[in-house]
Amino acid sequence: MDKIKSSQTLDTELCQCIAQDPLAALTAITELRRAIAEREREAVFRALEEHSWREVGEALGVSKQAAFQRFGKEWAVMTMTRLSDSAGKQRIKDRLEG
């Protein structure tokens, strides 16, 4: 529930900022969008340590294909860099099959 309160607080603050200074609000929204995108990317990669692309897609509200299209290339490169060739290929295969 704290997450819901936080998003409601953020929404309220953004509404106030828009009413007072719409250009400042646009700057703040742009900065928030960048930060949220980075945290989302981190969460996807961490989730893939234990979950499938299907599960990640469900959490994002999209298909596993859409999730993979958005994050898959970077994740695969990162996975292959961190693990040996055979272990990396197996991890990629395991996550795609889920």
PDB file of N, CA and C in Angstrom:
ATOM      1  N   MET A   1       0.795  -1.203   0.000  1.00  0.00           N
ATOM      2  CA  MET A   1       0.000   0.000   0.000  1.00  0.00           C
ATOM      3  C   MET A   1       0.843   1.275   0.000  1.00  0.00           C
ATOM      4  N   ASP A   2       2.058   1.213   0.541  1.00  0.00           N
ATOM      5  CA  ASP A   2       2.925   2.383   0.522  1.00  0.00           C
ATOM      6  C   ASP A   2       3.223   2.819  -0.904  1.00  0.00           C
ATOM      7  N   LYS A   3       3.319   1.839  -1.811  1.00  0.00           N
ATOM      8  CA  LYS A   3       3.581   2.173  -3.208  1.00  0.00           C
ATOM      9  C   LYS A   3       2.431   2.985  -3.785  1.00  0.00           C
ATOM     10  N   ILE A   4       1.209   2.617  -3.416  1.00  0.00           N
ATOM     11  CA  ILE A   4       0.043   3.343  -3.915  1.00  0.00           C
ATOM     12  C   ILE A   4       0.038   4.754  -3.349  1.00  0.00           C
ATOM     13  N   LYS A   5       0.317   4.894  -2.063  1.00  0.00           N
ATOM     14  CA  LYS A   5       0.365   6.222  -1.459  1.00  0.00           C
ATOM     15  C   LYS A   5       1.444   7.074  -2.105  1.00  0.00           C
ATOM     16  N   SER A   6       2.581   6.481  -2.409  1.00  0.00           N
ATOM     17  CA  SER A   6       3.669   7.221  -3.034  1.00  0.00           C
ATOM     18  C   SER A   6       3.268   7.714  -4.414  1.00  0.00           C
ATOM     19  N   SER A   7       2.610   6.868  -5.194  1.00  0.00           N
ATOM     20  CA  SER A   7       2.198   7.298  -6.528  1.00  0.00           C
ATOM     21  C   SER A   7       1.108   8.360  -6.448  1.00  0.00           C
ATOM     22  N   GLN A   8       0.222   8.242  -5.457  1.00  0.00           N
ATOM     23  CA  GLN A   8      -0.806   9.267  -5.280  1.00  0.00           C
ATOM     24  C   GLN A   8      -0.178  10.591  -4.850  1.00  0.00           C
ATOM     25  N   THR A   9       0.818  10.530  -3.976  1.00  0.00           N
ATOM     26  CA  THR A   9       1.521  11.743  -3.537  1.00  0.00           C
ATOM     27  C   THR A   9       2.228  12.385  -4.720  1.00  0.00           C
ATOM     28  N   LEU A  10       2.913  11.580  -5.518  1.00  0.00           N
ATOM     29  CA  LEU A  10       3.597  12.100  -6.694  1.00  0.00           C
ATOM     30  C   LEU A  10       2.603  12.753  -7.647  1.00  0.00           C
ATOM     31  N   ASP A  11       1.484  12.099  -7.885  1.00  0.00           N
ATOM     32  CA  ASP A  11       0.464  12.653  -8.769  1.00  0.00           C
ATOM     33  C   ASP A  11      -0.042  13.995  -8.251  1.00  0.00           C
ATOM     34  N   THR A  12      -0.306  14.067  -6.954  1.00  0.00           N
ATOM     35  CA  THR A  12      -0.778  15.318  -6.350  1.00  0.00           C
ATOM     36  C   THR A  12       0.258  16.426  -6.521  1.00  0.00           C
ATOM     37  N   GLU A  13       1.526  16.091  -6.249  1.00  0.00           N
ATOM     38  CA  GLU A  13       2.587  17.089  -6.383  1.00  0.00           C
ATOM     39  C   GLU A  13       2.750  17.546  -7.833  1.00  0.00           C
ATOM     40  N   LEU A  14       2.654  16.618  -8.770  1.00  0.00           N
ATOM     41  CA  LEU A  14       2.747  16.997 -10.177  1.00  0.00           C
ATOM     42  C   LEU A  14       1.586  17.892 -10.596  1.00  0.00           C
ATOM     43  N   CYS A  15       0.397  17.581 -10.131  1.00  0.00           N
ATOM     44  CA  CYS A  15      -0.770  18.423 -10.445  1.00  0.00           C
ATOM     45  C   CYS A  15      -0.571  19.844  -9.913  1.00  0.00           C
ATOM     46  N   GLN A  16      -0.044  19.946  -8.707  1.00  0.00           N
ATOM     47  CA  GLN A  16       0.225  21.265  -8.126  1.00  0.00           C
ATOM     48  C   GLN A  16       1.292  22.003  -8.931  1.00  0.00           C
ATOM     49  N   CYS A  17       2.327  21.278  -9.317  1.00  0.00           N
ATOM     50  CA  CYS A  17       3.410  21.880 -10.101  1.00  0.00           C
ATOM     51  C   CYS A  17       2.891  22.358 -11.459  1.00  0.00           C
ATOM     52  N   ILE A  18       2.047  21.571 -12.089  1.00  0.00           N
ATOM     53  CA  ILE A  18       1.463  21.961 -13.378  1.00  0.00           C
ATOM     54  C   ILE A  18       0.654  23.242 -13.228  1.00  0.00           C
ATOM     55  N   ALA A  19      -0.123  23.309 -12.164  1.00  0.00           N
ATOM     56  CA  ALA A  19      -0.954  24.501 -11.937  1.00  0.00           C
ATOM     57  C   ALA A  19      -0.092  25.737 -11.697  1.00  0.00           C
ATOM     58  N   GLN A  20       1.032  25.581 -10.997  1.00  0.00           N
ATOM     59  CA  GLN A  20       1.888  26.718 -10.654  1.00  0.00           C
ATOM     60  C   GLN A  20       2.847  27.096 -11.784  1.00  0.00           C
ATOM     61  N   ASP A  21       3.449  26.110 -12.410  1.00  0.00           N
ATOM     62  CA  ASP A  21       4.469  26.369 -13.434  1.00  0.00           C
ATOM     63  C   ASP A  21       4.547  25.176 -14.385  1.00  0.00           C
ATOM     64  N   PRO A  22       3.757  25.211 -15.454  1.00  0.00           N
ATOM     65  CA  PRO A  22       3.704  24.056 -16.360  1.00  0.00           C
ATOM     66  C   PRO A  22       5.044  23.697 -16.994  1.00  0.00           C
ATOM     67  N   LEU A  23       5.889  24.685 -17.287  1.00  0.00           N
ATOM     68  CA  LEU A  23       7.186  24.375 -17.882  1.00  0.00           C
ATOM     69  C   LEU A  23       8.093  23.650 -16.881  1.00  0.00           C
ATOM     70  N   ALA A  24       8.071  24.070 -15.636  1.00  0.00           N
ATOM     71  CA  ALA A  24       8.835  23.378 -14.592  1.00  0.00           C
ATOM     72  C   ALA A  24       8.293  21.963 -14.414  1.00  0.00           C
ATOM     73  N   ALA A  25       6.987  21.813 -14.524  1.00  0.00           N
ATOM     74  CA  ALA A  25       6.372  20.493 -14.414  1.00  0.00           C
ATOM     75  C   ALA A  25       6.850  19.588 -15.544  1.00  0.00           C
ATOM     76  N   LEU A  26       6.946  20.124 -16.762  1.00  0.00           N
ATOM     77  CA  LEU A  26       7.428  19.320 -17.884  1.00  0.00           C
ATOM     78  C   LEU A  26       8.871  18.868 -17.664  1.00  0.00           C
ATOM     79  N   THR A  27       9.695  19.756 -17.136  1.00  0.00           N
ATOM     80  CA  THR A  27      11.082  19.391 -16.830  1.00  0.00           C
ATOM     81  C   THR A  27      11.119  18.282 -15.786  1.00  0.00           C
ATOM     82  N   ALA A  28      10.331  18.422 -14.741  1.00  0.00           N
ATOM     83  CA  ALA A  28      10.284  17.413 -13.674  1.00  0.00           C
ATOM     84  C   ALA A  28       9.770  16.076 -14.214  1.00  0.00           C
ATOM     85  N   ILE A  29       8.752  16.118 -15.033  1.00  0.00           N
ATOM     86  CA  ILE A  29       8.187  14.891 -15.603  1.00  0.00           C
ATOM     87  C   ILE A  29       9.207  14.197 -16.489  1.00  0.00           C
ATOM     88  N   THR A  30       9.954  14.953 -17.270  1.00  0.00           N
ATOM     89  CA  THR A  30      10.990  14.377 -18.131  1.00  0.00           C
ATOM     90  C   THR A  30      12.072  13.705 -17.300  1.00  0.00           C
ATOM     91  N   GLU A  31      12.502  14.352 -16.224  1.00  0.00           N
ATOM     92  CA  GLU A  31      13.509  13.761 -15.337  1.00  0.00           C
ATOM     93  C   GLU A  31      12.980  12.495 -14.671  1.00  0.00           C
ATOM     94  N   LEU A  32      11.736  12.525 -14.232  1.00  0.00           N
ATOM     95  CA  LEU A  32      11.124  11.344 -13.619  1.00  0.00           C
ATOM     96  C   LEU A  32      11.012  10.198 -14.617  1.00  0.00           C
ATOM     97  N   ARG A  33      10.638  10.518 -15.838  1.00  0.00           N
ATOM     98  CA  ARG A  33      10.500   9.493 -16.875  1.00  0.00           C
ATOM     99  C   ARG A  33      11.833   8.779 -17.094  1.00  0.00           C
ATOM    100  N   ARG A  34      12.923   9.551 -17.142  1.00  0.00           N
ATOM    101  CA  ARG A  34      14.252   8.945 -17.319  1.00  0.00           C
ATOM    102  C   ARG A  34      14.601   8.039 -16.139  1.00  0.00           C
ATOM    103  N   ALA A  35      14.367   8.527 -14.932  1.00  0.00           N
ATOM    104  CA  ALA A  35      14.685   7.739 -13.730  1.00  0.00           C
ATOM    105  C   ALA A  35      13.835   6.469 -13.667  1.00  0.00           C
ATOM    106  N   ILE A  36      12.571   6.583 -13.983  1.00  0.00           N
ATOM    107  CA  ILE A  36      11.676   5.426 -13.957  1.00  0.00           C
ATOM    108  C   ILE A  36      12.094   4.401 -15.009  1.00  0.00           C
ATOM    109  N   ALA A  37      12.468   4.861 -16.198  1.00  0.00           N
ATOM    110  CA  ALA A  37      12.905   3.934 -17.248  1.00  0.00           C
ATOM    111  C   ALA A  37      14.150   3.167 -16.810  1.00  0.00           C
ATOM    112  N   GLU A  38      15.073   3.846 -16.158  1.00  0.00           N
ATOM    113  CA  GLU A  38      16.289   3.175 -15.683  1.00  0.00           C
ATOM    114  C   GLU A  38      15.967   2.160 -14.582  1.00  0.00           C
ATOM    115  N   ARG A  39      15.112   2.530 -13.646  1.00  0.00           N
ATOM    116  CA  ARG A  39      14.722   1.583 -12.587  1.00  0.00           C
ATOM    117  C   ARG A  39      13.956   0.409 -13.160  1.00  0.00           C
ATOM    118  N   GLU A  40      13.121   0.660 -14.175  1.00  0.00           N
ATOM    119  CA  GLU A  40      12.372  -0.422 -14.811  1.00  0.00           C
ATOM    120  C   GLU A  40      13.338  -1.408 -15.468  1.00  0.00           C
ATOM    121  N   ARG A  41      14.330  -0.899 -16.172  1.00  0.00           N
ATOM    122  CA  ARG A  41      15.343  -1.737 -16.809  1.00  0.00           C
ATOM    123  C   ARG A  41      16.061  -2.583 -15.760  1.00  0.00           C
ATOM    124  N   GLU A  42      16.476  -1.972 -14.677  1.00  0.00           N
ATOM    125  CA  GLU A  42      17.146  -2.705 -13.606  1.00  0.00           C
ATOM    126  C   GLU A  42      16.242  -3.792 -13.029  1.00  0.00           C
ATOM    127  N   ALA A  43      14.974  -3.466 -12.823  1.00  0.00           N
ATOM    128  CA  ALA A  43      14.027  -4.436 -12.262  1.00  0.00           C
ATOM    129  C   ALA A  43      13.820  -5.604 -13.216  1.00  0.00           C
ATOM    130  N   VAL A  44      13.729  -5.327 -14.516  1.00  0.00           N
ATOM    131  CA  VAL A  44      13.572  -6.398 -15.502  1.00  0.00           C
ATOM    132  C   VAL A  44      14.765  -7.343 -15.442  1.00  0.00           C
ATOM    133  N   PHE A  45      15.972  -6.785 -15.452  1.00  0.00           N
ATOM    134  CA  PHE A  45      17.172  -7.622 -15.452  1.00  0.00           C
ATOM    135  C   PHE A  45      17.290  -8.422 -14.157  1.00  0.00           C
ATOM    136  N   ARG A  46      16.941  -7.807 -13.045  1.00  0.00           N
ATOM    137  CA  ARG A  46      16.974  -8.556 -11.770  1.00  0.00           C
ATOM    138  C   ARG A  46      15.913  -9.646 -11.751  1.00  0.00           C
ATOM    139  N   ALA A  47      14.719  -9.335 -12.258  1.00  0.00           N
ATOM    140  CA  ALA A  47      13.642 -10.328 -12.291  1.00  0.00           C
ATOM    141  C   ALA A  47      14.038 -11.532 -13.140  1.00  0.00           C
ATOM    142  N   LEU A  48      14.771 -11.285 -14.222  1.00  0.00           N
ATOM    143  CA  LEU A  48      15.166 -12.376 -15.112  1.00  0.00           C
ATOM    144  C   LEU A  48      16.197 -13.311 -14.500  1.00  0.00           C
ATOM    145  N   GLU A  49      16.734 -12.954 -13.353  1.00  0.00           N
ATOM    146  CA  GLU A  49      17.633 -13.869 -12.654  1.00  0.00           C
ATOM    147  C   GLU A  49      16.866 -15.085 -12.138  1.00  0.00           C
ATOM    148  N   GLU A  50      15.550 -14.915 -11.915  1.00  0.00           N
ATOM    149  CA  GLU A  50      14.744 -16.003 -11.362  1.00  0.00           C
ATOM    150  C   GLU A  50      13.438 -16.264 -12.106  1.00  0.00           C
ATOM    151  N   HIS A  51      13.065 -15.377 -13.007  1.00  0.00           N
ATOM    152  CA  HIS A  51      11.757 -15.487 -13.652  1.00  0.00           C
ATOM    153  C   HIS A  51      11.898 -15.512 -15.168  1.00  0.00           C
ATOM    154  N   SER A  52      10.841 -15.965 -15.823  1.00  0.00           N
ATOM    155  CA  SER A  52      10.830 -16.075 -17.281  1.00  0.00           C
ATOM    156  C   SER A  52      10.388 -14.758 -17.922  1.00  0.00           C
ATOM    157  N   TRP A  53      10.605 -14.679 -19.220  1.00  0.00           N
ATOM    158  CA  TRP A  53      10.128 -13.506 -19.965  1.00  0.00           C
ATOM    159  C   TRP A  53       8.604 -13.412 -19.895  1.00  0.00           C
ATOM    160  N   ARG A  54       7.927 -14.549 -19.845  1.00  0.00           N
ATOM    161  CA  ARG A  54       6.457 -14.525 -19.715  1.00  0.00           C
ATOM    162  C   ARG A  54       6.064 -13.822 -18.428  1.00  0.00           C
ATOM    163  N   GLU A  55       6.717 -14.186 -17.325  1.00  0.00           N
ATOM    164  CA  GLU A  55       6.403 -13.565 -16.031  1.00  0.00           C
ATOM    165  C   GLU A  55       6.760 -12.084 -16.023  1.00  0.00           C
ATOM    166  N   VAL A  56       7.890 -11.753 -16.614  1.00  0.00           N
ATOM    167  CA  VAL A  56       8.291 -10.341 -16.685  1.00  0.00           C
ATOM    168  C   VAL A  56       7.281  -9.563 -17.525  1.00  0.00           C
ATOM    169  N   GLY A  57       6.892 -10.133 -18.657  1.00  0.00           N
ATOM    170  CA  GLY A  57       5.892  -9.475 -19.505  1.00  0.00           C
ATOM    171  C   GLY A  57       4.584  -9.252 -18.765  1.00  0.00           C
ATOM    172  N   GLU A  58       4.146 -10.272 -18.020  1.00  0.00           N
ATOM    173  CA  GLU A  58       2.910 -10.122 -17.238  1.00  0.00           C
ATOM    174  C   GLU A  58       3.031  -8.989 -16.229  1.00  0.00           C
ATOM    175  N   ALA A  59       4.179  -8.911 -15.545  1.00  0.00           N
ATOM    176  CA  ALA A  59       4.382  -7.852 -14.554  1.00  0.00           C
ATOM    177  C   ALA A  59       4.379  -6.463 -15.206  1.00  0.00           C
ATOM    178  N   LEU A  60       4.859  -6.400 -16.454  1.00  0.00           N
ATOM    179  CA  LEU A  60       4.881  -5.133 -17.187  1.00  0.00           C
ATOM    180  C   LEU A  60       3.549  -4.832 -17.871  1.00  0.00           C
ATOM    181  N   GLY A  61       2.671  -5.829 -17.921  1.00  0.00           N
ATOM    182  CA  GLY A  61       1.383  -5.649 -18.589  1.00  0.00           C
ATOM    183  C   GLY A  61       1.461  -5.792 -20.099  1.00  0.00           C
ATOM    184  N   VAL A  62       2.483  -6.549 -20.564  1.00  0.00           N
ATOM    185  CA  VAL A  62       2.656  -6.781 -22.001  1.00  0.00           C
ATOM    186  C   VAL A  62       2.937  -8.265 -22.224  1.00  0.00           C
ATOM    187  N   SER A  63       3.006  -8.663 -23.478  1.00  0.00           N
ATOM    188  CA  SER A  63       3.349 -10.051 -23.795  1.00  0.00           C
ATOM    189  C   SER A  63       4.827 -10.296 -23.541  1.00  0.00           C
ATOM    190  N   LYS A  64       5.204 -11.564 -23.458  1.00  0.00           N
ATOM    191  CA  LYS A  64       6.629 -11.879 -23.288  1.00  0.00           C
ATOM    192  C   LYS A  64       7.412 -11.410 -24.512  1.00  0.00           C
ATOM    193  N   GLN A  65       6.785 -11.473 -25.689  1.00  0.00           N
ATOM    194  CA  GLN A  65       7.446 -11.013 -26.900  1.00  0.00           C
ATOM    195  C   GLN A  65       7.726  -9.514 -26.845  1.00  0.00           C
ATOM    196  N   ALA A  66       6.752  -8.756 -26.365  1.00  0.00           N
ATOM    197  CA  ALA A  66       6.935  -7.302 -26.269  1.00  0.00           C
ATOM    198  C   ALA A  66       8.017  -6.960 -25.246  1.00  0.00           C
ATOM    199  N   ALA A  67       8.015  -7.668 -24.128  1.00  0.00           N
ATOM    200  CA  ALA A  67       9.042  -7.439 -23.105  1.00  0.00           C
ATOM    201  C   ALA A  67      10.419  -7.773 -23.662  1.00  0.00           C
ATOM    202  N   PHE A  68      10.517  -8.907 -24.359  1.00  0.00           N
ATOM    203  CA  PHE A  68      11.804  -9.307 -24.924  1.00  0.00           C
ATOM    204  C   PHE A  68      12.251  -8.335 -26.007  1.00  0.00           C
ATOM    205  N   GLN A  69      11.326  -7.876 -26.824  1.00  0.00           N
ATOM    206  CA  GLN A  69      11.677  -6.927 -27.883  1.00  0.00           C
ATOM    207  C   GLN A  69      12.255  -5.648 -27.284  1.00  0.00           C
ATOM    208  N   ARG A  70      11.700  -5.222 -26.172  1.00  0.00           N
ATOM    209  CA  ARG A  70      12.134  -3.975 -25.543  1.00  0.00           C
ATOM    210  C   ARG A  70      13.463  -4.119 -24.789  1.00  0.00           C
ATOM    211  N   PHE A  71      13.648  -5.227 -24.072  1.00  0.00           N
ATOM    212  CA  PHE A  71      14.801  -5.381 -23.195  1.00  0.00           C
ATOM    213  C   PHE A  71      15.734  -6.536 -23.567  1.00  0.00           C
ATOM    214  N   GLY A  72      15.305  -7.401 -24.474  1.00  0.00           N
ATOM    215  CA  GLY A  72      15.994  -8.658 -24.711  1.00  0.00           C
ATOM    216  C   GLY A  72      17.406  -8.561 -25.241  1.00  0.00           C
ATOM    217  N   LYS A  73      17.654  -7.707 -26.206  1.00  0.00           N
ATOM    218  CA  LYS A  73      18.983  -7.639 -26.800  1.00  0.00           C
ATOM    219  C   LYS A  73      20.015  -7.235 -25.751  1.00  0.00           C
ATOM    220  N   GLU A  74      19.732  -6.182 -25.014  1.00  0.00           N
ATOM    221  CA  GLU A  74      20.665  -5.724 -23.990  1.00  0.00           C
ATOM    222  C   GLU A  74      20.855  -6.790 -22.908  1.00  0.00           C
ATOM    223  N   TRP A  75      19.748  -7.431 -22.500  1.00  0.00           N
ATOM    224  CA  TRP A  75      19.830  -8.482 -21.481  1.00  0.00           C
ATOM    225  C   TRP A  75      20.682  -9.653 -21.970  1.00  0.00           C
ATOM    226  N   ALA A  76      20.491 -10.070 -23.231  1.00  0.00           N
ATOM    227  CA  ALA A  76      21.249 -11.201 -23.769  1.00  0.00           C
ATOM    228  C   ALA A  76      22.742 -10.880 -23.830  1.00  0.00           C
ATOM    229  N   VAL A  77      23.078  -9.694 -24.272  1.00  0.00           N
ATOM    230  CA  VAL A  77      24.488  -9.284 -24.325  1.00  0.00           C
ATOM    231  C   VAL A  77      25.078  -9.267 -22.922  1.00  0.00           C
ATOM    232  N   MET A  78      24.341  -8.701 -21.978  1.00  0.00           N
ATOM    233  CA  MET A  78      24.813  -8.638 -20.597  1.00  0.00           C
ATOM    234  C   MET A  78      24.974 -10.048 -20.014  1.00  0.00           C
ATOM    235  N   THR A  79      24.039 -10.927 -20.301  1.00  0.00           N
ATOM    236  CA  THR A  79      24.086 -12.298 -19.799  1.00  0.00           C
ATOM    237  C   THR A  79      25.286 -13.045 -20.370  1.00  0.00           C
ATOM    238  N   MET A  80      25.527 -12.893 -21.648  1.00  0.00           N
ATOM    239  CA  MET A  80      26.655 -13.570 -22.277  1.00  0.00           C
ATOM    240  C   MET A  80      27.986 -13.016 -21.775  1.00  0.00           C
ATOM    241  N   THR A  81      28.026 -11.745 -21.421  1.00  0.00           N
ATOM    242  CA  THR A  81      29.242 -11.131 -20.889  1.00  0.00           C
ATOM    243  C   THR A  81      29.541 -11.647 -19.488  1.00  0.00           C
ATOM    244  N   ARG A  82      28.496 -11.804 -18.679  1.00  0.00           N
ATOM    245  CA  ARG A  82      28.670 -12.230 -17.283  1.00  0.00           C
ATOM    246  C   ARG A  82      28.955 -13.713 -17.147  1.00  0.00           C
ATOM    247  N   LEU A  83      28.401 -14.530 -18.022  1.00  0.00           N
ATOM    248  CA  LEU A  83      28.512 -15.981 -17.895  1.00  0.00           C
ATOM    249  C   LEU A  83      29.358 -16.552 -19.030  1.00  0.00           C
ATOM    250  N   SER A  84      29.832 -17.764 -18.854  1.00  0.00           N
ATOM    251  CA  SER A  84      30.537 -18.443 -19.941  1.00  0.00           C
ATOM    252  C   SER A  84      29.573 -18.665 -21.096  1.00  0.00           C
ATOM    253  N   ASP A  85      30.106 -18.965 -22.261  1.00  0.00           N
ATOM    254  CA  ASP A  85      29.256 -19.166 -23.439  1.00  0.00           C
ATOM    255  C   ASP A  85      28.149 -20.180 -23.199  1.00  0.00           C
ATOM    256  N   SER A  86      28.505 -21.357 -22.693  1.00  0.00           N
ATOM    257  CA  SER A  86      27.494 -22.402 -22.523  1.00  0.00           C
ATOM    258  C   SER A  86      26.489 -22.032 -21.431  1.00  0.00           C
ATOM    259  N   ALA A  87      26.967 -21.461 -20.326  1.00  0.00           N
ATOM    260  CA  ALA A  87      26.052 -21.063 -19.247  1.00  0.00           C
ATOM    261  C   ALA A  87      25.160 -19.913 -19.698  1.00  0.00           C
ATOM    262  N   GLY A  88      25.723 -18.975 -20.442  1.00  0.00           N
ATOM    263  CA  GLY A  88      24.927 -17.849 -20.949  1.00  0.00           C
ATOM    264  C   GLY A  88      23.855 -18.303 -21.903  1.00  0.00           C
ATOM    265  N   LYS A  89      24.226 -19.188 -22.819  1.00  0.00           N
ATOM    266  CA  LYS A  89      23.245 -19.714 -23.777  1.00  0.00           C
ATOM    267  C   LYS A  89      22.142 -20.482 -23.058  1.00  0.00           C
ATOM    268  N   GLN A  90      22.512 -21.263 -22.045  1.00  0.00           N
ATOM    269  CA  GLN A  90      21.514 -22.016 -21.281  1.00  0.00           C
ATOM    270  C   GLN A  90      20.582 -21.075 -20.531  1.00  0.00           C
ATOM    271  N   ARG A  91      21.127 -20.015 -19.907  1.00  0.00           N
ATOM    272  CA  ARG A  91      20.291 -19.039 -19.176  1.00  0.00           C
ATOM    273  C   ARG A  91      19.309 -18.387 -20.128  1.00  0.00           C
ATOM    274  N   ILE A  92      19.784 -17.981 -21.305  1.00  0.00           N
ATOM    275  CA  ILE A  92      18.911 -17.337 -22.284  1.00  0.00           C
ATOM    276  C   ILE A  92      17.810 -18.312 -22.705  1.00  0.00           C
ATOM    277  N   LYS A  93      18.181 -19.539 -22.997  1.00  0.00           N
ATOM    278  CA  LYS A  93      17.196 -20.565 -23.399  1.00  0.00           C
ATOM    279  C   LYS A  93      16.167 -20.798 -22.293  1.00  0.00           C
ATOM    280  N   ASP A  94      16.632 -20.932 -21.055  1.00  0.00           N
ATOM    281  CA  ASP A  94      15.725 -21.175 -19.922  1.00  0.00           C
ATOM    282  C   ASP A  94      14.717 -20.037 -19.767  1.00  0.00           C
ATOM    283  N   ARG A  95      15.174 -18.814 -19.885  1.00  0.00           N
ATOM    284  CA  ARG A  95      14.273 -17.669 -19.679  1.00  0.00           C
ATOM    285  C   ARG A  95      13.277 -17.532 -20.830  1.00  0.00           C
ATOM    286  N   LEU A  96      13.692 -17.905 -22.020  1.00  0.00           N
ATOM    287  CA  LEU A  96      12.780 -17.811 -23.171  1.00  0.00           C
ATOM    288  C   LEU A  96      11.716 -18.896 -23.159  1.00  0.00           C
ATOM    289  N   GLU A  97      12.027 -20.027 -22.556  1.00  0.00           N
ATOM    290  CA  GLU A  97      11.068 -21.135 -22.550  1.00  0.00           C
ATOM    291  C   GLU A  97       9.961 -20.949 -21.533  1.00  0.00           C
ATOM    292  N   GLY A  98      10.203 -20.147 -20.516  1.00  0.00           N
ATOM    293  CA  GLY A  98       9.228 -19.996 -19.414  1.00  0.00           C
ATOM    294  C   GLY A  98       7.942 -19.370 -19.797  1.00  0.00           C
TER     295      GLY A  98
END
